[in-house]
């Protein structure tokens, strides 16, 4: 689950595969018949340690969730520092830093994971007599749903839901619906379920059997979650003995698609190249070879696998211009930009917690053209089977 790079090794690895990769276009890749190559250039924008990325920010430790303000900067959940930090598409930090709370009576910072943006006017949160709309909402590993309500507190998120007493460990968060008919979905990894909340943060009861799949073996639990075109894509990872963290391993993962009522639409992917998958993003048509494909990021091995969203067929994985796989130690969130502040809609932004989640990295992957001459034909090096069937 957590790749054992020490700090010096990680710094050298990041420089070699991240910043150095950004220099590849200098050698010149001529446009030819290979118009949609599997070639993606990584830029390391921000890291908590000097010398790893273009900018250094000690607040960025084990960043998980990533969401773009439709009108501004990206917001990132910094699990290791209990903060949310904001950046533009070149890694320049915004002055706003938001603290995420821990449960009452607990010392130390919050541990945010998933994050969503809310522009509906719903999800009102309060402190005392003051209340207002929650513009960004966070899930935490301590069982909280926290809300940024700038009209109440500009630099501290408020506790909107406290399920810490149930042992809830929220690893992911999604928002879907229309108008004020919106619902939050939080993956409770410890209890192996998905908690749902209405637009007032009240628990919402779905029909019996919602968000269940009897074909997934015991010991796997909902891990990541993403709303894509009105459906909820849920990743599953294997639980450790305490049911607190995931277990890494080849084939340890599933991806399901549900509707907003928790009805299973279909299994998208089973085992194969999945390895504690968490990040999910649907690529736009202009994202090189893999336009319009579903990208699934493995926390377990740092690879980004590609699936046909219609039939679940594994199309391959993202590669660098030299043909080696894109590997990002401790990979968490994946998201495409919003089209402003140097955050292109066809650039894939990512977060990661390298070195056993002890450090942090925020970066981007841009598709590029390359001359296919001299490159071996694209092929998968192993013979794993990836399936959209309900096999275990």
Protein backbone atom coordinates (compact mmCIF):
# COMPACT_ATOMS: atom_id res chain seq x y z
CA UNK A 1 0.00 0.00 0.00
CA UNK A 2 2.71 2.47 0.89
CA UNK A 3 5.87 2.34 -1.22
CA UNK A 4 8.95 2.41 0.98
CA UNK A 5 10.96 5.27 -0.51
CA UNK A 6 13.01 7.28 1.91
CA UNK A 7 13.00 11.06 1.56
CA UNK A 8 16.25 11.29 -0.42
CA UNK A 9 15.20 8.46 -2.73
CA UNK A 10 11.79 10.03 -3.25
CA UNK A 11 13.32 13.43 -4.06
CA UNK A 12 15.65 11.90 -6.63
CA UNK A 13 12.85 9.75 -8.07
CA UNK A 14 10.51 12.73 -8.37
CA UNK A 15 13.14 14.86 -10.04
CA UNK A 16 14.05 12.15 -12.51
CA UNK A 17 10.52 11.19 -13.49
CA UNK A 18 8.70 14.49 -12.94
CA UNK A 19 10.68 17.64 -13.56
CA UNK A 20 13.09 16.01 -15.97
CA UNK A 21 10.19 14.66 -18.00
CA UNK A 22 9.04 18.20 -18.65
CA UNK A 23 12.20 18.72 -20.70
CA UNK A 24 11.41 15.91 -23.13
CA UNK A 25 9.77 18.14 -25.79
CA UNK A 26 13.16 19.82 -26.32
CA UNK A 27 14.40 16.79 -28.24
CA UNK A 28 11.54 17.27 -30.66
CA UNK A 29 8.68 14.91 -31.44
CA UNK A 30 7.49 15.46 -35.00
CA UNK A 31 3.80 15.19 -35.74
CA UNK A 32 2.97 12.29 -38.01
CA UNK A 33 0.29 9.67 -38.30
CA UNK A 34 0.49 9.06 -34.54
CA UNK A 35 -1.95 11.82 -33.69
CA UNK A 36 -3.17 10.43 -30.37
CA UNK A 37 -0.15 8.87 -28.67
CA UNK A 38 0.05 7.47 -25.19
CA UNK A 39 2.50 10.14 -24.05
CA UNK A 40 1.94 12.32 -20.98
CA UNK A 41 4.36 14.81 -19.48
CA UNK A 42 4.44 15.19 -15.69
CA UNK A 43 5.07 18.52 -13.96
CA UNK A 44 5.56 18.50 -10.22
CA UNK A 45 4.04 21.81 -9.15
CA UNK A 46 4.12 21.79 -5.34
CA UNK A 47 5.74 19.58 -2.71
CA UNK A 48 6.28 19.87 1.02
CA UNK A 49 10.01 19.26 0.56
CA UNK A 50 12.41 21.56 -1.27
CA UNK A 51 13.92 20.32 -4.51
CA UNK A 52 11.04 18.04 -5.48
CA UNK A 53 8.72 20.44 -7.31
CA UNK A 54 8.60 23.95 -8.73
CA UNK A 55 7.19 25.31 -5.46
CA UNK A 56 7.56 24.28 -1.83
CA UNK A 57 4.71 24.38 0.68
CA UNK A 58 5.09 22.67 4.08
CA UNK A 59 1.29 22.65 4.44
CA UNK A 60 0.97 20.15 1.59
CA UNK A 61 1.37 16.82 3.39
CA UNK A 62 -0.45 13.72 2.13
CA UNK A 63 -2.93 15.63 -0.05
CA UNK A 64 -5.97 13.52 -0.98
CA UNK A 65 -9.09 15.13 -2.36
CA UNK A 66 -8.88 17.65 -5.18
CA UNK A 67 -11.68 19.84 -6.52
CA UNK A 68 -11.69 22.92 -8.72
CA UNK A 69 -13.61 26.00 -7.77
CA UNK A 70 -15.56 26.60 -11.01
CA UNK A 71 -14.51 30.24 -10.78
CA UNK A 72 -11.02 30.03 -9.30
CA UNK A 73 -8.28 28.01 -7.67
CA UNK A 74 -8.06 24.30 -7.01
CA UNK A 75 -8.83 23.23 -3.43
CA UNK A 76 -6.85 20.35 -1.93
CA UNK A 77 -7.41 18.32 1.26
CA UNK A 78 -4.12 18.07 3.15
CA UNK A 79 -4.65 14.96 5.26
CA UNK A 80 -1.29 15.23 7.02
CA UNK A 81 -1.70 18.79 8.28
CA UNK A 82 -5.48 19.10 8.68
CA UNK A 83 -5.67 21.92 6.15
CA UNK A 84 -7.05 22.80 2.77
CA UNK A 85 -4.69 24.73 0.51
CA UNK A 86 -5.37 26.45 -2.82
CA UNK A 87 -3.18 26.77 -5.93
CA UNK A 88 -3.32 27.90 -9.53
CA UNK A 89 -2.34 25.72 -12.48
CA UNK A 90 1.35 26.56 -12.07
CA UNK A 91 1.43 25.73 -8.38
CA UNK A 92 1.32 29.31 -7.08
CA UNK A 93 -0.34 29.24 -3.68
CA UNK A 94 -3.35 31.35 -2.75
CA UNK A 95 -3.19 33.16 0.59
CA UNK A 96 -6.30 31.40 1.93
CA UNK A 97 -5.59 28.36 4.11
CA UNK A 98 -8.56 26.61 5.74
CA UNK A 99 -8.24 24.50 8.90
CA UNK A 100 -10.30 21.29 9.01
CA UNK A 101 -11.58 20.33 12.49
CA UNK A 102 -11.09 17.18 14.52
CA UNK A 103 -13.98 15.75 16.57
CA UNK A 104 -14.76 17.65 19.80
CA UNK A 105 -12.42 16.65 22.59
CA UNK A 106 -9.83 15.19 20.25
CA UNK A 107 -6.42 16.82 20.13
CA UNK A 108 -4.58 17.36 16.89
CA UNK A 109 -5.78 18.44 13.48
CA UNK A 110 -8.52 16.99 11.34
CA UNK A 111 -7.70 14.39 8.71
CA UNK A 112 -9.51 15.45 5.55
CA UNK A 113 -9.84 13.09 2.60
CA UNK A 114 -12.53 13.74 -0.02
CA UNK A 115 -13.74 17.24 -0.93
CA UNK A 116 -16.57 18.60 -3.07
CA UNK A 117 -17.56 22.03 -4.32
CA UNK A 118 -21.13 23.24 -3.73
CA UNK A 119 -22.64 26.12 -5.67
CA UNK A 120 -26.30 25.30 -5.04
CA UNK A 121 -27.13 27.53 -2.09
CA UNK A 122 -28.09 24.40 -0.12
CA UNK A 123 -26.11 22.72 2.67
CA UNK A 124 -26.47 25.41 5.32
CA UNK A 125 -24.11 24.97 8.28
CA UNK A 126 -24.09 26.88 11.55
CA UNK A 127 -22.02 27.86 14.54
CA UNK A 128 -24.04 29.34 17.34
CA UNK A 129 -26.48 31.83 15.84
CA UNK A 130 -24.45 32.36 12.66
CA UNK A 131 -25.13 30.25 9.58
CA UNK A 132 -24.51 30.25 5.85
CA UNK A 133 -24.02 28.22 2.70
CA UNK A 134 -21.25 25.63 2.59
CA UNK A 135 -19.19 26.30 -0.53
CA UNK A 136 -16.71 23.47 0.03
CA UNK A 137 -17.42 20.30 1.98
CA UNK A 138 -14.88 17.83 3.38
CA UNK A 139 -14.97 14.26 4.67
CA UNK A 140 -12.47 13.18 7.32
CA UNK A 141 -10.97 9.94 8.58
CA UNK A 142 -12.34 10.83 12.01
CA UNK A 143 -15.94 10.46 10.84
CA UNK A 144 -16.74 14.13 10.25
CA UNK A 145 -18.33 16.04 7.43
CA UNK A 146 -16.93 19.57 7.64
CA UNK A 147 -18.05 22.65 5.73
CA UNK A 148 -16.38 25.87 4.68
CA UNK A 149 -18.88 28.65 5.36
CA UNK A 150 -17.04 31.93 4.73
CA UNK A 151 -19.87 34.04 6.10
CA UNK A 152 -19.34 32.35 9.50
CA UNK A 153 -15.59 31.62 9.57
CA UNK A 154 -13.30 32.38 6.67
CA UNK A 155 -10.35 30.23 7.77
CA UNK A 156 -11.91 27.34 9.70
CA UNK A 157 -14.36 24.72 8.44
CA UNK A 158 -17.38 23.96 10.63
CA UNK A 159 -18.51 20.53 11.79
CA UNK A 160 -21.70 19.72 9.87
CA UNK A 161 -21.90 15.98 10.72
CA UNK A 162 -20.16 14.11 13.52
CA UNK A 163 -20.25 10.33 13.19
CA UNK A 164 -17.01 9.77 15.07
CA UNK A 165 -18.83 7.77 17.75
CA UNK A 166 -19.83 5.13 15.17
CA UNK A 167 -16.22 4.51 14.20
CA UNK A 168 -16.81 5.96 10.75
CA UNK A 169 -13.68 6.50 8.68
CA UNK A 170 -14.63 8.54 5.66
CA UNK A 171 -12.18 8.04 2.80
CA UNK A 172 -14.12 9.67 -0.03
CA UNK A 173 -16.92 12.14 -0.76
CA UNK A 174 -19.21 12.86 -3.71
CA UNK A 175 -22.08 15.24 -4.40
CA UNK A 176 -24.79 14.66 -6.97
CA UNK A 177 -28.32 15.80 -7.80
CA UNK A 178 -30.01 18.86 -9.27
CA UNK A 179 -31.20 22.15 -7.81
CA UNK A 180 -31.72 21.74 -4.08
CA UNK A 181 -32.35 17.99 -4.50
CA UNK A 182 -28.74 17.23 -3.71
CA UNK A 183 -27.15 14.48 -1.67
CA UNK A 184 -23.72 13.85 -0.21
CA UNK A 185 -22.21 10.37 -0.35
CA UNK A 186 -19.36 9.46 2.00
CA UNK A 187 -17.47 6.16 1.83
CA UNK A 188 -17.17 4.73 5.35
CA UNK A 189 -14.23 2.40 4.89
CA UNK A 190 -14.23 1.09 8.46
CA UNK A 191 -17.88 0.05 8.48
CA UNK A 192 -17.91 -1.00 4.84
CA UNK A 193 -20.76 1.23 3.68
CA UNK A 194 -21.72 4.52 2.09
CA UNK A 195 -23.42 7.16 4.25
CA UNK A 196 -25.84 9.51 2.51
CA UNK A 197 -26.88 13.00 3.62
CA UNK A 198 -29.51 15.34 2.24
CA UNK A 199 -29.02 19.03 1.47
CA UNK A 200 -29.47 19.92 5.16
CA UNK A 201 -26.72 17.46 6.22
CA UNK A 202 -29.37 15.15 7.72
CA UNK A 203 -28.94 11.38 7.23
CA UNK A 204 -30.89 10.21 4.20
CA UNK A 205 -32.34 6.71 4.05
CA UNK A 206 -32.20 4.92 0.72
CA UNK A 207 -34.17 1.80 -0.27
CA UNK A 208 -33.04 -1.53 1.22
CA UNK A 209 -30.01 -2.96 -0.50
CA UNK A 210 -28.70 0.42 -1.63
CA UNK A 211 -24.98 0.51 -2.42
CA UNK A 212 -24.56 -3.22 -1.94
CA UNK A 213 -22.97 -5.77 -4.23
CA UNK A 214 -23.02 -9.35 -2.91
CA UNK A 215 -20.44 -10.44 -5.49
CA UNK A 216 -17.68 -8.37 -3.90
CA UNK A 217 -15.89 -10.59 -1.38
CA UNK A 218 -15.91 -9.92 2.34
CA UNK A 219 -13.03 -7.75 3.49
CA UNK A 220 -13.39 -5.19 0.69
CA UNK A 221 -14.99 -1.82 1.41
CA UNK A 222 -15.96 1.37 -0.45
CA UNK A 223 -12.84 3.49 -0.77
CA UNK A 224 -13.06 6.26 -3.38
CA UNK A 225 -16.19 7.78 -4.91
CA UNK A 226 -16.84 10.21 -7.75
CA UNK A 227 -19.95 11.64 -9.38
CA UNK A 228 -19.61 11.32 -13.17
CA UNK A 229 -22.46 12.34 -15.47
CA UNK A 230 -25.00 11.82 -12.70
CA UNK A 231 -23.82 8.32 -11.75
CA UNK A 232 -21.69 7.38 -8.76
CA UNK A 233 -18.48 5.51 -9.48
CA UNK A 234 -17.24 3.69 -6.38
CA UNK A 235 -13.86 2.02 -5.91
CA UNK A 236 -13.31 -0.81 -3.46
CA UNK A 237 -10.09 -1.70 -1.64
CA UNK A 238 -9.16 -4.52 0.69
CA UNK A 239 -9.32 -3.63 4.40
CA UNK A 240 -6.46 -4.27 6.78
CA UNK A 241 -6.99 -6.19 10.02
CA UNK A 242 -8.27 -3.11 11.87
CA UNK A 243 -10.44 -2.03 8.91
CA UNK A 244 -8.77 1.37 9.05
CA UNK A 245 -6.51 1.36 5.98
CA UNK A 246 -6.26 -0.36 2.64
CA UNK A 247 -4.07 -3.30 1.73
CA UNK A 248 -2.03 -3.02 -1.45
CA UNK A 249 -1.66 -5.83 -3.92
CA UNK A 250 -2.11 -6.64 -7.56
CA UNK A 251 -5.76 -7.36 -8.28
CA UNK A 252 -7.01 -5.98 -4.97
CA UNK A 253 -9.76 -3.70 -6.19
CA UNK A 254 -13.13 -3.28 -7.86
CA UNK A 255 -15.03 -0.42 -9.49
CA UNK A 256 -18.84 -0.27 -9.50
CA UNK A 257 -21.30 2.20 -10.98
CA UNK A 258 -24.46 3.10 -9.01
CA UNK A 259 -27.31 5.50 -9.58
CA UNK A 260 -28.13 8.24 -7.05
CA UNK A 261 -30.46 5.86 -5.16
CA UNK A 262 -27.70 3.32 -4.65
CA UNK A 263 -28.96 0.90 -7.30
CA UNK A 264 -26.12 -1.06 -8.85
CA UNK A 265 -25.97 -0.24 -12.56
CA UNK A 266 -23.03 -2.50 -13.36
CA UNK A 267 -19.57 -3.68 -12.38
CA UNK A 268 -17.07 -1.69 -14.40
CA UNK A 269 -13.83 -3.43 -13.44
CA UNK A 270 -12.73 -6.36 -11.32
CA UNK A 271 -9.27 -7.10 -9.96
CA UNK A 272 -6.80 -7.25 -12.90
CA UNK A 273 -4.57 -4.19 -12.70
CA UNK A 274 -6.53 -2.58 -9.87
CA UNK A 275 -4.44 -2.07 -6.74
CA UNK A 276 -6.20 -0.15 -3.95
CA UNK A 277 -7.85 2.22 -6.48
CA UNK A 278 -9.02 5.61 -5.22
CA UNK A 279 -8.81 8.42 -7.80
CA UNK A 280 -11.34 8.59 -10.64
CA UNK A 281 -11.68 10.99 -13.57
CA UNK A 282 -13.39 10.91 -16.96
CA UNK A 283 -11.00 12.27 -19.58
CA UNK A 284 -12.18 14.85 -22.14
CA UNK A 285 -11.92 14.04 -25.85
CA UNK A 286 -8.73 16.11 -26.19
CA UNK A 287 -6.74 14.08 -23.64
CA UNK A 288 -4.45 12.40 -26.17
CA UNK A 289 -4.83 8.68 -26.86
CA UNK A 290 -7.20 8.19 -23.95
CA UNK A 291 -9.78 10.88 -24.61
CA UNK A 292 -13.26 10.00 -23.33
CA UNK A 293 -11.87 7.16 -21.21
CA UNK A 294 -12.17 6.57 -17.47
CA UNK A 295 -8.93 7.04 -15.56
CA UNK A 296 -8.53 5.03 -12.36
CA UNK A 297 -5.60 5.84 -10.09
CA UNK A 298 -4.11 3.12 -7.89
CA UNK A 299 -2.94 4.20 -4.48
CA UNK A 300 -1.34 0.77 -4.11
CA UNK A 301 1.19 1.03 -6.94
CA UNK A 302 0.90 4.62 -8.21
CA UNK A 303 -0.23 3.68 -11.73
CA UNK A 304 -3.12 5.23 -13.67
CA UNK A 305 -5.11 2.61 -15.55
CA UNK A 306 -7.53 3.43 -18.35
CA UNK A 307 -10.95 1.85 -18.91
CA UNK A 308 -13.65 2.12 -21.53
CA UNK A 309 -16.54 3.62 -19.52
CA UNK A 310 -19.08 1.74 -21.63
CA UNK A 311 -17.84 -1.83 -21.30
CA UNK A 312 -15.10 -1.74 -18.66
CA UNK A 313 -12.38 -2.98 -21.00
CA UNK A 314 -8.91 -2.04 -19.77
CA UNK A 315 -7.32 0.09 -22.49
CA UNK A 316 -3.88 0.32 -20.90
CA UNK A 317 -2.26 2.84 -18.58
CA UNK A 318 -0.83 6.32 -18.88
CA UNK A 319 2.76 6.37 -20.10
CA UNK A 320 5.55 8.90 -20.38
CA UNK A 321 7.03 9.99 -23.71
CA UNK A 322 9.75 7.33 -23.35
CA UNK A 323 7.14 4.58 -23.05
CA UNK A 324 7.55 3.90 -19.33
CA UNK A 325 4.44 3.97 -17.13
CA UNK A 326 3.48 7.12 -15.29
CA UNK A 327 4.20 6.15 -11.68
CA UNK A 328 3.29 8.51 -8.83
CA UNK A 329 4.16 7.23 -5.36
CA UNK A 330 1.17 7.45 -3.01
CA UNK A 331 -1.25 8.54 -5.75
CA UNK A 332 -4.60 9.90 -4.50
CA UNK A 333 -6.80 12.39 -6.34
CA UNK A 334 -7.30 12.91 -10.08
CA UNK A 335 -9.16 15.82 -11.64
CA UNK A 336 -9.20 17.83 -14.85
CA UNK A 337 -8.91 21.61 -14.68
CA UNK A 338 -11.62 24.26 -14.91
CA UNK A 339 -10.21 26.24 -17.83
CA UNK A 340 -9.00 29.29 -15.90
CA UNK A 341 -5.91 30.29 -13.90
CA UNK A 342 -3.69 28.07 -16.07
CA UNK A 343 -5.82 25.04 -15.22
CA UNK A 344 -6.73 23.59 -18.64
CA UNK A 345 -9.77 21.38 -18.96
CA UNK A 346 -7.67 18.74 -20.72
CA UNK A 347 -4.85 18.68 -18.16
CA UNK A 348 -5.00 15.98 -15.49
CA UNK A 349 -4.07 17.29 -12.04
CA UNK A 350 -3.11 14.87 -9.27
CA UNK A 351 -2.32 14.66 -5.56
CA UNK A 352 -0.15 12.12 -3.77
CA UNK A 353 1.28 11.24 -0.39
CA UNK A 354 4.75 9.81 -1.11
CA UNK A 355 6.97 7.93 1.33
CA UNK A 356 4.26 6.23 3.39
CA UNK A 357 2.05 9.37 3.21
CA UNK A 358 4.75 11.32 5.07
CA UNK A 359 5.13 13.89 2.29
CA UNK A 360 3.02 15.61 -0.32
CA UNK A 361 2.99 16.30 -4.03
CA UNK A 362 0.63 18.22 -6.32
CA UNK A 363 1.21 18.10 -10.05
CA UNK A 364 -0.18 17.83 -13.54
CA UNK A 365 -0.07 15.52 -16.55
CA UNK A 366 -0.37 17.00 -20.03
CA UNK A 367 -0.91 14.99 -23.20
CA UNK A 368 1.68 15.53 -25.92
CA UNK A 369 2.36 14.38 -29.47
CA UNK A 370 5.32 12.20 -30.29
CA UNK A 371 6.92 10.64 -33.33
CA UNK A 372 6.06 6.95 -33.18
CA UNK A 373 9.17 5.99 -35.16
CA UNK A 374 11.65 4.29 -32.89
CA UNK A 375 9.03 3.47 -30.26
CA UNK A 376 7.84 -0.07 -29.71
CA UNK A 377 4.15 -0.71 -30.42
CA UNK A 378 1.99 -0.03 -27.38
CA UNK A 379 1.19 -3.21 -25.52
CA UNK A 380 0.55 -4.40 -22.01
CA UNK A 381 3.55 -6.14 -20.51
CA UNK A 382 1.49 -8.59 -18.49
CA UNK A 383 -1.43 -10.85 -19.23
CA UNK A 384 -3.74 -9.93 -16.37
CA UNK A 385 -7.42 -10.09 -17.21
CA UNK A 386 -9.57 -7.05 -16.49
CA UNK A 387 -13.27 -7.60 -16.61
CA UNK A 388 -16.56 -5.83 -16.20
CA UNK A 389 -18.16 -9.06 -15.10
CA UNK A 390 -19.24 -9.84 -11.54
CA UNK A 391 -16.36 -12.25 -11.01
CA UNK A 392 -14.52 -12.07 -7.72
